[in-house]
PDB file of N, CA and C in Angstrom:
ATOM      1  N   MET A   1       4.262 -26.566  12.763  1.00  0.00           N
ATOM      2  CA  MET A   1       3.231 -26.603  13.768  1.00  0.00           C
ATOM      3  C   MET A   1       3.574 -27.681  14.782  1.00  0.00           C
ATOM      4  N   ASN A   2       3.481 -27.344  16.043  1.00  0.00           N
ATOM      5  CA  ASN A   2       3.744 -28.311  17.090  1.00  0.00           C
ATOM      6  C   ASN A   2       2.472 -29.082  17.403  1.00  0.00           C
ATOM      7  N   CYS A   3       2.584 -30.387  17.497  1.00  0.00           N
ATOM      8  CA  CYS A   3       1.437 -31.221  17.842  1.00  0.00           C
ATOM      9  C   CYS A   3       1.541 -31.603  19.309  1.00  0.00           C
ATOM     10  N   VAL A   4       0.420 -31.580  19.982  1.00  0.00           N
ATOM     11  CA  VAL A   4       0.384 -31.960  21.389  1.00  0.00           C
ATOM     12  C   VAL A   4      -0.356 -33.283  21.483  1.00  0.00           C
ATOM     13  N   CYS A   5       0.262 -34.209  22.135  1.00  0.00           N
ATOM     14  CA  CYS A   5      -0.373 -35.526  22.306  1.00  0.00           C
ATOM     15  C   CYS A   5      -1.473 -35.402  23.352  1.00  0.00           C
ATOM     16  N   PRO A   6      -2.737 -35.647  22.960  1.00  0.00           N
ATOM     17  CA  PRO A   6      -3.840 -35.487  23.904  1.00  0.00           C
ATOM     18  C   PRO A   6      -3.776 -36.448  25.087  1.00  0.00           C
ATOM     19  N   VAL A   7      -3.171 -37.592  24.906  1.00  0.00           N
ATOM     20  CA  VAL A   7      -3.127 -38.581  25.981  1.00  0.00           C
ATOM     21  C   VAL A   7      -2.201 -38.113  27.091  1.00  0.00           C
ATOM     22  N   THR A   8      -1.009 -37.608  26.735  1.00  0.00           N
ATOM     23  CA  THR A   8      -0.032 -37.227  27.750  1.00  0.00           C
ATOM     24  C   THR A   8      -0.188 -35.792  28.227  1.00  0.00           C
ATOM     25  N   SER A   9      -0.883 -34.940  27.481  1.00  0.00           N
ATOM     26  CA  SER A   9      -0.996 -33.541  27.872  1.00  0.00           C
ATOM     27  C   SER A   9      -2.269 -33.230  28.647  1.00  0.00           C
ATOM     28  N   GLY A  10      -3.211 -34.139  28.663  1.00  0.00           N
ATOM     29  CA  GLY A  10      -4.462 -33.901  29.364  1.00  0.00           C
ATOM     30  C   GLY A  10      -5.471 -33.119  28.540  1.00  0.00           C
ATOM     31  N   ILE A  11      -5.162 -32.824  27.279  1.00  0.00           N
ATOM     32  CA  ILE A  11      -6.079 -32.091  26.408  1.00  0.00           C
ATOM     33  C   ILE A  11      -7.039 -33.077  25.769  1.00  0.00           C
ATOM     34  N   LYS A  12      -8.319 -32.720  25.780  1.00  0.00           N
ATOM     35  CA  LYS A  12      -9.305 -33.577  25.128  1.00  0.00           C
ATOM     36  C   LYS A  12      -9.091 -33.497  23.615  1.00  0.00           C
ATOM     37  N   PRO A  13      -9.154 -34.622  22.889  1.00  0.00           N
ATOM     38  CA  PRO A  13      -8.915 -34.633  21.443  1.00  0.00           C
ATOM     39  C   PRO A  13      -9.790 -33.664  20.655  1.00  0.00           C
ATOM     40  N   THR A  14     -11.008 -33.391  21.114  1.00  0.00           N
ATOM     41  CA  THR A  14     -11.910 -32.525  20.356  1.00  0.00           C
ATOM     42  C   THR A  14     -11.518 -31.043  20.444  1.00  0.00           C
ATOM     43  N   GLN A  15     -10.643 -30.659  21.340  1.00  0.00           N
ATOM     44  CA  GLN A  15     -10.277 -29.257  21.492  1.00  0.00           C
ATOM     45  C   GLN A  15      -9.518 -28.721  20.282  1.00  0.00           C
ATOM     46  N   HIS A  16      -8.881 -29.574  19.493  1.00  0.00           N
ATOM     47  CA  HIS A  16      -8.094 -29.129  18.351  1.00  0.00           C
ATOM     48  C   HIS A  16      -8.844 -29.229  17.029  1.00  0.00           C
ATOM     49  N   PHE A  17     -10.081 -29.655  17.036  1.00  0.00           N
ATOM     50  CA  PHE A  17     -10.841 -29.758  15.800  1.00  0.00           C
ATOM     51  C   PHE A  17     -11.202 -28.367  15.292  1.00  0.00           C
ATOM     52  N   ILE A  18     -11.153 -28.192  13.975  1.00  0.00           N
ATOM     53  CA  ILE A  18     -11.453 -26.910  13.344  1.00  0.00           C
ATOM     54  C   ILE A  18     -12.827 -26.381  13.758  1.00  0.00           C
ATOM     55  N   LYS A  19     -13.819 -27.272  13.897  1.00  0.00           N
ATOM     56  CA  LYS A  19     -15.162 -26.811  14.255  1.00  0.00           C
ATOM     57  C   LYS A  19     -15.201 -26.168  15.628  1.00  0.00           C
ATOM     58  N   ASN A  20     -14.197 -26.391  16.446  1.00  0.00           N
ATOM     59  CA  ASN A  20     -14.153 -25.812  17.791  1.00  0.00           C
ATOM     60  C   ASN A  20     -13.343 -24.510  17.847  1.00  0.00           C
ATOM     61  N   ILE A  21     -12.827 -24.083  16.724  1.00  0.00           N
ATOM     62  CA  ILE A  21     -12.031 -22.850  16.689  1.00  0.00           C
ATOM     63  C   ILE A  21     -12.927 -21.716  16.213  1.00  0.00           C
ATOM     64  N   ILE A  22     -12.900 -20.617  16.923  1.00  0.00           N
ATOM     65  CA  ILE A  22     -13.712 -19.452  16.574  1.00  0.00           C
ATOM     66  C   ILE A  22     -12.778 -18.385  16.000  1.00  0.00           C
ATOM     67  N   ALA A  23     -13.084 -17.956  14.786  1.00  0.00           N
ATOM     68  CA  ALA A  23     -12.278 -16.927  14.148  1.00  0.00           C
ATOM     69  C   ALA A  23     -12.560 -15.581  14.806  1.00  0.00           C
ATOM     70  N   THR A  24     -11.525 -14.796  15.011  1.00  0.00           N
ATOM     71  CA  THR A  24     -11.689 -13.463  15.585  1.00  0.00           C
ATOM     72  C   THR A  24     -10.936 -12.458  14.722  1.00  0.00           C
ATOM     73  N   VAL A  25     -11.387 -11.226  14.777  1.00  0.00           N
ATOM     74  CA  VAL A  25     -10.720 -10.137  14.078  1.00  0.00           C
ATOM     75  C   VAL A  25     -10.400  -9.080  15.114  1.00  0.00           C
ATOM     76  N   LYS A  26      -9.152  -8.737  15.236  1.00  0.00           N
ATOM     77  CA  LYS A  26      -8.748  -7.721  16.198  1.00  0.00           C
ATOM     78  C   LYS A  26      -8.791  -6.348  15.551  1.00  0.00           C
ATOM     79  N   HIS A  27      -9.068  -5.356  16.323  1.00  0.00           N
ATOM     80  CA  HIS A  27      -9.055  -3.958  15.903  1.00  0.00           C
ATOM     81  C   HIS A  27     -10.096  -3.663  14.825  1.00  0.00           C
ATOM     82  N   GLY A  28     -11.188  -4.371  14.776  1.00  0.00           N
ATOM     83  CA  GLY A  28     -12.291  -4.038  13.896  1.00  0.00           C
ATOM     84  C   GLY A  28     -12.198  -4.517  12.465  1.00  0.00           C
ATOM     85  N   GLY A  29     -11.052  -4.959  11.992  1.00  0.00           N
ATOM     86  CA  GLY A  29     -10.929  -5.445  10.623  1.00  0.00           C
ATOM     87  C   GLY A  29     -11.076  -4.339   9.605  1.00  0.00           C
ATOM     88  N   GLY A  30     -11.250  -4.697   8.352  1.00  0.00           N
ATOM     89  CA  GLY A  30     -11.391  -3.714   7.281  1.00  0.00           C
ATOM     90  C   GLY A  30     -10.049  -3.157   6.857  1.00  0.00           C
ATOM     91  N   SER A  31     -10.082  -2.312   5.842  1.00  0.00           N
ATOM     92  CA  SER A  31      -8.835  -1.710   5.382  1.00  0.00           C
ATOM     93  C   SER A  31      -9.125  -0.396   4.672  1.00  0.00           C
ATOM     94  N   VAL A  32      -8.112   0.431   4.597  1.00  0.00           N
ATOM     95  CA  VAL A  32      -8.184   1.696   3.889  1.00  0.00           C
ATOM     96  C   VAL A  32      -6.919   1.799   3.056  1.00  0.00           C
ATOM     97  N   MET A  33      -7.062   2.107   1.764  1.00  0.00           N
ATOM     98  CA  MET A  33      -5.890   2.287   0.914  1.00  0.00           C
ATOM     99  C   MET A  33      -5.681   3.780   0.711  1.00  0.00           C
ATOM    100  N   VAL A  34      -4.441   4.218   0.884  1.00  0.00           N
ATOM    101  CA  VAL A  34      -4.120   5.624   0.702  1.00  0.00           C
ATOM    102  C   VAL A  34      -2.865   5.776  -0.138  1.00  0.00           C
ATOM    103  N   TRP A  35      -2.755   6.916  -0.806  1.00  0.00           N
ATOM    104  CA  TRP A  35      -1.526   7.305  -1.495  1.00  0.00           C
ATOM    105  C   TRP A  35      -1.003   8.514  -0.750  1.00  0.00           C
ATOM    106  N   GLY A  36       0.297   8.529  -0.492  1.00  0.00           N
ATOM    107  CA  GLY A  36       0.879   9.643   0.231  1.00  0.00           C
ATOM    108  C   GLY A  36       2.183  10.093  -0.383  1.00  0.00           C
ATOM    109  N   CYS A  37       2.582  11.286  -0.007  1.00  0.00           N
ATOM    110  CA  CYS A  37       3.793  11.897  -0.527  1.00  0.00           C
ATOM    111  C   CYS A  37       4.526  12.554   0.631  1.00  0.00           C
ATOM    112  N   PHE A  38       5.842  12.394   0.676  1.00  0.00           N
ATOM    113  CA  PHE A  38       6.615  13.057   1.716  1.00  0.00           C
ATOM    114  C   PHE A  38       8.036  13.283   1.224  1.00  0.00           C
ATOM    115  N   ALA A  39       8.727  14.160   1.898  1.00  0.00           N
ATOM    116  CA  ALA A  39      10.128  14.463   1.608  1.00  0.00           C
ATOM    117  C   ALA A  39      10.825  14.713   2.942  1.00  0.00           C
ATOM    118  N   ALA A  40      12.110  14.983   2.896  1.00  0.00           N
ATOM    119  CA  ALA A  40      12.851  15.269   4.124  1.00  0.00           C
ATOM    120  C   ALA A  40      12.241  16.458   4.862  1.00  0.00           C
ATOM    121  N   SER A  41      11.650  17.373   4.116  1.00  0.00           N
ATOM    122  CA  SER A  41      11.046  18.556   4.724  1.00  0.00           C
ATOM    123  C   SER A  41       9.665  18.289   5.310  1.00  0.00           C
ATOM    124  N   GLY A  42       9.131  17.092   5.115  1.00  0.00           N
ATOM    125  CA  GLY A  42       7.863  16.735   5.736  1.00  0.00           C
ATOM    126  C   GLY A  42       6.867  16.104   4.788  1.00  0.00           C
ATOM    127  N   PRO A  43       5.723  15.672   5.342  1.00  0.00           N
ATOM    128  CA  PRO A  43       4.655  15.091   4.520  1.00  0.00           C
ATOM    129  C   PRO A  43       3.788  16.182   3.909  1.00  0.00           C
ATOM    130  N   VAL A  44       3.098  15.832   2.835  1.00  0.00           N
ATOM    131  CA  VAL A  44       2.205  16.812   2.225  1.00  0.00           C
ATOM    132  C   VAL A  44       0.828  16.219   2.033  1.00  0.00           C
ATOM    133  N   ARG A  45       0.645  15.467   0.989  1.00  0.00           N
ATOM    134  CA  ARG A  45      -0.701  15.017   0.620  1.00  0.00           C
ATOM    135  C   ARG A  45      -0.938  13.562   0.986  1.00  0.00           C
ATOM    136  N   LEU A  46      -2.197  13.310   1.300  1.00  0.00           N
ATOM    137  CA  LEU A  46      -2.652  11.956   1.556  1.00  0.00           C
ATOM    138  C   LEU A  46      -3.984  11.818   0.840  1.00  0.00           C
ATOM    139  N   THR A  47      -4.095  10.834  -0.037  1.00  0.00           N
ATOM    140  CA  THR A  47      -5.305  10.644  -0.832  1.00  0.00           C
ATOM    141  C   THR A  47      -5.915   9.290  -0.503  1.00  0.00           C
ATOM    142  N   ILE A  48      -7.175   9.283  -0.131  1.00  0.00           N
ATOM    143  CA  ILE A  48      -7.883   8.036   0.144  1.00  0.00           C
ATOM    144  C   ILE A  48      -8.372   7.463  -1.180  1.00  0.00           C
ATOM    145  N   ILE A  49      -8.135   6.178  -1.381  1.00  0.00           N
ATOM    146  CA  ILE A  49      -8.464   5.513  -2.643  1.00  0.00           C
ATOM    147  C   ILE A  49      -9.692   4.635  -2.435  1.00  0.00           C
ATOM    148  N   ASP A  50     -10.723   4.901  -3.237  1.00  0.00           N
ATOM    149  CA  ASP A  50     -11.935   4.083  -3.187  1.00  0.00           C
ATOM    150  C   ASP A  50     -11.819   2.958  -4.200  1.00  0.00           C
ATOM    151  N   GLY A  51     -12.110   1.745  -3.777  1.00  0.00           N
ATOM    152  CA  GLY A  51     -12.092   0.610  -4.695  1.00  0.00           C
ATOM    153  C   GLY A  51     -10.700   0.073  -4.916  1.00  0.00           C
ATOM    154  N   ILE A  52     -10.541  -0.589  -6.038  1.00  0.00           N
ATOM    155  CA  ILE A  52      -9.274  -1.226  -6.385  1.00  0.00           C
ATOM    156  C   ILE A  52      -8.467  -0.286  -7.262  1.00  0.00           C
ATOM    157  N   MET A  53      -7.214  -0.086  -6.907  1.00  0.00           N
ATOM    158  CA  MET A  53      -6.371   0.798  -7.703  1.00  0.00           C
ATOM    159  C   MET A  53      -5.756   0.026  -8.865  1.00  0.00           C
ATOM    160  N   ASN A  54      -5.877   0.597 -10.059  1.00  0.00           N
ATOM    161  CA  ASN A  54      -5.223   0.044 -11.244  1.00  0.00           C
ATOM    162  C   ASN A  54      -4.304   1.124 -11.807  1.00  0.00           C
ATOM    163  N   SER A  55      -3.675   0.858 -12.916  1.00  0.00           N
ATOM    164  CA  SER A  55      -2.716   1.788 -13.499  1.00  0.00           C
ATOM    165  C   SER A  55      -3.353   3.131 -13.845  1.00  0.00           C
ATOM    166  N   ALA A  56      -4.567   3.108 -14.385  1.00  0.00           N
ATOM    167  CA  ALA A  56      -5.240   4.354 -14.772  1.00  0.00           C
ATOM    168  C   ALA A  56      -5.567   5.212 -13.545  1.00  0.00           C
ATOM    169  N   LEU A  57      -6.052   4.580 -12.481  1.00  0.00           N
ATOM    170  CA  LEU A  57      -6.359   5.323 -11.262  1.00  0.00           C
ATOM    171  C   LEU A  57      -5.082   5.864 -10.633  1.00  0.00           C
ATOM    172  N   TYR A  58      -4.021   5.062 -10.644  1.00  0.00           N
ATOM    173  CA  TYR A  58      -2.749   5.495 -10.085  1.00  0.00           C
ATOM    174  C   TYR A  58      -2.220   6.715 -10.855  1.00  0.00           C
ATOM    175  N   GLN A  59      -2.330   6.692 -12.168  1.00  0.00           N
ATOM    176  CA  GLN A  59      -1.897   7.822 -12.992  1.00  0.00           C
ATOM    177  C   GLN A  59      -2.726   9.065 -12.660  1.00  0.00           C
ATOM    178  N   LYS A  60      -4.027   8.898 -12.470  1.00  0.00           N
ATOM    179  CA  LYS A  60      -4.898  10.018 -12.111  1.00  0.00           C
ATOM    180  C   LYS A  60      -4.485  10.619 -10.767  1.00  0.00           C
ATOM    181  N   ILE A  61      -4.175   9.763  -9.802  1.00  0.00           N
ATOM    182  CA  ILE A  61      -3.739  10.228  -8.485  1.00  0.00           C
ATOM    183  C   ILE A  61      -2.442  11.019  -8.609  1.00  0.00           C
ATOM    184  N   LEU A  62      -1.508  10.508  -9.421  1.00  0.00           N
ATOM    185  CA  LEU A  62      -0.251  11.229  -9.615  1.00  0.00           C
ATOM    186  C   LEU A  62      -0.492  12.581 -10.288  1.00  0.00           C
ATOM    187  N   LYS A  63      -1.352  12.600 -11.315  1.00  0.00           N
ATOM    188  CA  LYS A  63      -1.664  13.850 -12.021  1.00  0.00           C
ATOM    189  C   LYS A  63      -2.194  14.908 -11.064  1.00  0.00           C
ATOM    190  N   GLU A  64      -3.043  14.476 -10.142  1.00  0.00           N
ATOM    191  CA  GLU A  64      -3.692  15.414  -9.233  1.00  0.00           C
ATOM    192  C   GLU A  64      -2.850  15.787  -8.021  1.00  0.00           C
ATOM    193  N   ASN A  65      -1.812  15.006  -7.709  1.00  0.00           N
ATOM    194  CA  ASN A  65      -1.125  15.210  -6.435  1.00  0.00           C
ATOM    195  C   ASN A  65       0.381  15.459  -6.487  1.00  0.00           C
ATOM    196  N   VAL A  66       1.088  14.915  -7.463  1.00  0.00           N
ATOM    197  CA  VAL A  66       2.545  15.018  -7.424  1.00  0.00           C
ATOM    198  C   VAL A  66       3.020  16.461  -7.584  1.00  0.00           C
ATOM    199  N   ARG A  67       2.653  17.110  -8.673  1.00  0.00           N
ATOM    200  CA  ARG A  67       3.131  18.489  -8.899  1.00  0.00           C
ATOM    201  C   ARG A  67       2.724  19.442  -7.774  1.00  0.00           C
ATOM    202  N   PRO A  68       1.440  19.417  -7.329  1.00  0.00           N
ATOM    203  CA  PRO A  68       1.089  20.295  -6.212  1.00  0.00           C
ATOM    204  C   PRO A  68       1.901  19.990  -4.940  1.00  0.00           C
ATOM    205  N   SER A  69       2.193  18.704  -4.709  1.00  0.00           N
ATOM    206  CA  SER A  69       3.001  18.339  -3.540  1.00  0.00           C
ATOM    207  C   SER A  69       4.419  18.879  -3.660  1.00  0.00           C
ATOM    208  N   VAL A  70       4.986  18.778  -4.858  1.00  0.00           N
ATOM    209  CA  VAL A  70       6.336  19.299  -5.099  1.00  0.00           C
ATOM    210  C   VAL A  70       6.358  20.808  -4.829  1.00  0.00           C
ATOM    211  N   CYS A  71       5.325  21.495  -5.287  1.00  0.00           N
ATOM    212  CA  CYS A  71       5.239  22.949  -5.049  1.00  0.00           C
ATOM    213  C   CYS A  71       5.065  23.249  -3.562  1.00  0.00           C
ATOM    214  N   ASP A  72       4.192  22.499  -2.880  1.00  0.00           N
ATOM    215  CA  ASP A  72       3.964  22.712  -1.447  1.00  0.00           C
ATOM    216  C   ASP A  72       5.244  22.509  -0.639  1.00  0.00           C
ATOM    217  N   LEU A  73       6.055  21.539  -1.054  1.00  0.00           N
ATOM    218  CA  LEU A  73       7.312  21.246  -0.354  1.00  0.00           C
ATOM    219  C   LEU A  73       8.464  22.149  -0.809  1.00  0.00           C
ATOM    220  N   LYS A  74       8.201  22.974  -1.840  1.00  0.00           N
ATOM    221  CA  LYS A  74       9.214  23.879  -2.394  1.00  0.00           C
ATOM    222  C   LYS A  74      10.473  23.118  -2.822  1.00  0.00           C
ATOM    223  N   LEU A  75      10.269  21.994  -3.542  1.00  0.00           N
ATOM    224  CA  LEU A  75      11.384  21.140  -3.944  1.00  0.00           C
ATOM    225  C   LEU A  75      12.046  21.594  -5.241  1.00  0.00           C
ATOM    226  N   LYS A  76      11.393  22.448  -5.986  1.00  0.00           N
ATOM    227  CA  LYS A  76      11.896  22.933  -7.272  1.00  0.00           C
ATOM    228  C   LYS A  76      12.228  21.747  -8.169  1.00  0.00           C
ATOM    229  N   ARG A  77      13.440  21.671  -8.698  1.00  0.00           N
ATOM    230  CA  ARG A  77      13.799  20.580  -9.620  1.00  0.00           C
ATOM    231  C   ARG A  77      14.687  19.526  -8.973  1.00  0.00           C
ATOM    232  N   THR A  78      14.789  19.526  -7.685  1.00  0.00           N
ATOM    233  CA  THR A  78      15.746  18.648  -7.007  1.00  0.00           C
ATOM    234  C   THR A  78      15.139  17.344  -6.490  1.00  0.00           C
ATOM    235  N   TRP A  79      13.946  17.019  -6.897  1.00  0.00           N
ATOM    236  CA  TRP A  79      13.289  15.849  -6.338  1.00  0.00           C
ATOM    237  C   TRP A  79      13.342  14.651  -7.276  1.00  0.00           C
ATOM    238  N   ILE A  80      13.253  13.461  -6.683  1.00  0.00           N
ATOM    239  CA  ILE A  80      13.234  12.194  -7.421  1.00  0.00           C
ATOM    240  C   ILE A  80      12.040  11.393  -6.913  1.00  0.00           C
ATOM    241  N   MET A  81      11.235  10.897  -7.824  1.00  0.00           N
ATOM    242  CA  MET A  81      10.083  10.077  -7.447  1.00  0.00           C
ATOM    243  C   MET A  81      10.536   8.637  -7.239  1.00  0.00           C
ATOM    244  N   GLN A  82      10.134   8.056  -6.118  1.00  0.00           N
ATOM    245  CA  GLN A  82      10.476   6.670  -5.822  1.00  0.00           C
ATOM    246  C   GLN A  82       9.202   5.867  -5.616  1.00  0.00           C
ATOM    247  N   GLN A  83       9.194   4.657  -6.153  1.00  0.00           N
ATOM    248  CA  GLN A  83       8.072   3.739  -5.977  1.00  0.00           C
ATOM    249  C   GLN A  83       8.595   2.315  -6.124  1.00  0.00           C
ATOM    250  N   ASP A  84       7.799   1.361  -5.687  1.00  0.00           N
ATOM    251  CA  ASP A  84       8.233  -0.032  -5.807  1.00  0.00           C
ATOM    252  C   ASP A  84       7.866  -0.579  -7.192  1.00  0.00           C
ATOM    253  N   ASN A  85       8.063  -1.859  -7.394  1.00  0.00           N
ATOM    254  CA  ASN A  85       7.824  -2.476  -8.702  1.00  0.00           C
ATOM    255  C   ASN A  85       6.438  -3.091  -8.822  1.00  0.00           C
ATOM    256  N   ASP A  86       5.473  -2.535  -8.153  1.00  0.00           N
ATOM    257  CA  ASP A  86       4.094  -2.983  -8.303  1.00  0.00           C
ATOM    258  C   ASP A  86       3.709  -2.849  -9.778  1.00  0.00           C
ATOM    259  N   PRO A  87       2.953  -3.792 -10.334  1.00  0.00           N
ATOM    260  CA  PRO A  87       2.611  -3.725 -11.763  1.00  0.00           C
ATOM    261  C   PRO A  87       1.999  -2.398 -12.213  1.00  0.00           C
ATOM    262  N   LYS A  88       1.175  -1.787 -11.389  1.00  0.00           N
ATOM    263  CA  LYS A  88       0.585  -0.505 -11.802  1.00  0.00           C
ATOM    264  C   LYS A  88       1.623   0.613 -11.809  1.00  0.00           C
ATOM    265  N   HIS A  89       2.705   0.475 -11.051  1.00  0.00           N
ATOM    266  CA  HIS A  89       3.763   1.484 -11.007  1.00  0.00           C
ATOM    267  C   HIS A  89       4.706   1.387 -12.204  1.00  0.00           C
ATOM    268  N   ILE A  90       4.770   0.216 -12.809  1.00  0.00           N
ATOM    269  CA  ILE A  90       5.715   0.029 -13.926  1.00  0.00           C
ATOM    270  C   ILE A  90       5.004  -0.259 -15.247  1.00  0.00           C
ATOM    271  N   SER A  91       3.695  -0.002 -15.281  1.00  0.00           N
ATOM    272  CA  SER A  91       2.949  -0.245 -16.517  1.00  0.00           C
ATOM    273  C   SER A  91       3.456   0.666 -17.632  1.00  0.00           C
ATOM    274  N   LYS A  92       3.316   0.226 -18.858  1.00  0.00           N
ATOM    275  CA  LYS A  92       3.793   0.994 -20.006  1.00  0.00           C
ATOM    276  C   LYS A  92       3.128   2.370 -20.104  1.00  0.00           C
ATOM    277  N   PRO A  93       1.785   2.461 -19.985  1.00  0.00           N
ATOM    278  CA  PRO A  93       1.161   3.793 -20.065  1.00  0.00           C
ATOM    279  C   PRO A  93       1.686   4.756 -18.986  1.00  0.00           C
ATOM    280  N   LEU A  94       1.858   4.255 -17.768  1.00  0.00           N
ATOM    281  CA  LEU A  94       2.345   5.119 -16.701  1.00  0.00           C
ATOM    282  C   LEU A  94       3.801   5.509 -16.936  1.00  0.00           C
ATOM    283  N   SER A  95       4.620   4.552 -17.353  1.00  0.00           N
ATOM    284  CA  SER A  95       6.034   4.852 -17.631  1.00  0.00           C
ATOM    285  C   SER A  95       6.163   5.912 -18.720  1.00  0.00           C
ATOM    286  N   GLU A  96       5.344   5.805 -19.756  1.00  0.00           N
ATOM    287  CA  GLU A  96       5.379   6.801 -20.833  1.00  0.00           C
ATOM    288  C   GLU A  96       4.906   8.166 -20.330  1.00  0.00           C
ATOM    289  N   TRP A  97       3.872   8.180 -19.497  1.00  0.00           N
ATOM    290  CA  TRP A  97       3.364   9.429 -18.944  1.00  0.00           C
ATOM    291  C   TRP A  97       4.433  10.113 -18.088  1.00  0.00           C
ATOM    292  N   LEU A  98       5.095   9.335 -17.225  1.00  0.00           N
ATOM    293  CA  LEU A  98       6.154   9.900 -16.386  1.00  0.00           C
ATOM    294  C   LEU A  98       7.310  10.429 -17.237  1.00  0.00           C
ATOM    295  N   LYS A  99       7.644   9.711 -18.306  1.00  0.00           N
ATOM    296  CA  LYS A  99       8.712  10.160 -19.202  1.00  0.00           C
ATOM    297  C   LYS A  99       8.318  11.474 -19.885  1.00  0.00           C
ATOM    298  N   ASN A 100       7.067  11.574 -20.361  1.00  0.00           N
ATOM    299  CA  ASN A 100       6.587  12.797 -21.004  1.00  0.00           C
ATOM    300  C   ASN A 100       6.571  13.979 -20.034  1.00  0.00           C
ATOM    301  N   LYS A 101       6.338  13.688 -18.767  1.00  0.00           N
ATOM    302  CA  LYS A 101       6.320  14.740 -17.741  1.00  0.00           C
ATOM    303  C   LYS A 101       7.721  15.044 -17.199  1.00  0.00           C
ATOM    304  N   LYS A 102       8.710  14.335 -17.764  1.00  0.00           N
ATOM    305  CA  LYS A 102      10.114  14.499 -17.358  1.00  0.00           C
ATOM    306  C   LYS A 102      10.297  14.301 -15.854  1.00  0.00           C
ATOM    307  N   THR A 103       9.626  13.265 -15.348  1.00  0.00           N
ATOM    308  CA  THR A 103       9.720  12.935 -13.937  1.00  0.00           C
ATOM    309  C   THR A 103      10.910  12.019 -13.725  1.00  0.00           C
ATOM    310  N   LYS A 104      11.850  12.466 -12.916  1.00  0.00           N
ATOM    311  CA  LYS A 104      13.035  11.664 -12.615  1.00  0.00           C
ATOM    312  C   LYS A 104      12.663  10.604 -11.592  1.00  0.00           C
ATOM    313  N   GLN A 105      12.964   9.357 -11.931  1.00  0.00           N
ATOM    314  CA  GLN A 105      12.637   8.234 -11.050  1.00  0.00           C
ATOM    315  C   GLN A 105      13.897   7.531 -10.596  1.00  0.00           C
ATOM    316  N   ASN A 106      13.776   6.905  -9.452  1.00  0.00           N
ATOM    317  CA  ASN A 106      14.880   6.119  -8.913  1.00  0.00           C
ATOM    318  C   ASN A 106      14.400   4.711  -8.658  1.00  0.00           C
TER     319      ASN A 106
END
């Protein structure tokens, strides 16, 4: 952080006090969490997530959306599921479920 000397810059010392700073939110604030699926052939499903996503909710979203998306994209058996290392993505119950469903992951 750069400090400006109030004496040499002409700035009144009170201008930098926290009580004089007004917090603003651009673009309305808030957030929306979604799960989506896409392939080289295009996007398919987008699911809006209410509340906080945990491993059980993530598994439910996959159950309801992955296979239908694969069918919609006509991927047959040539697809690989990719996700990051978020704890809900690598949880033991989810990993076992994906293994039982013979889902190839990268």
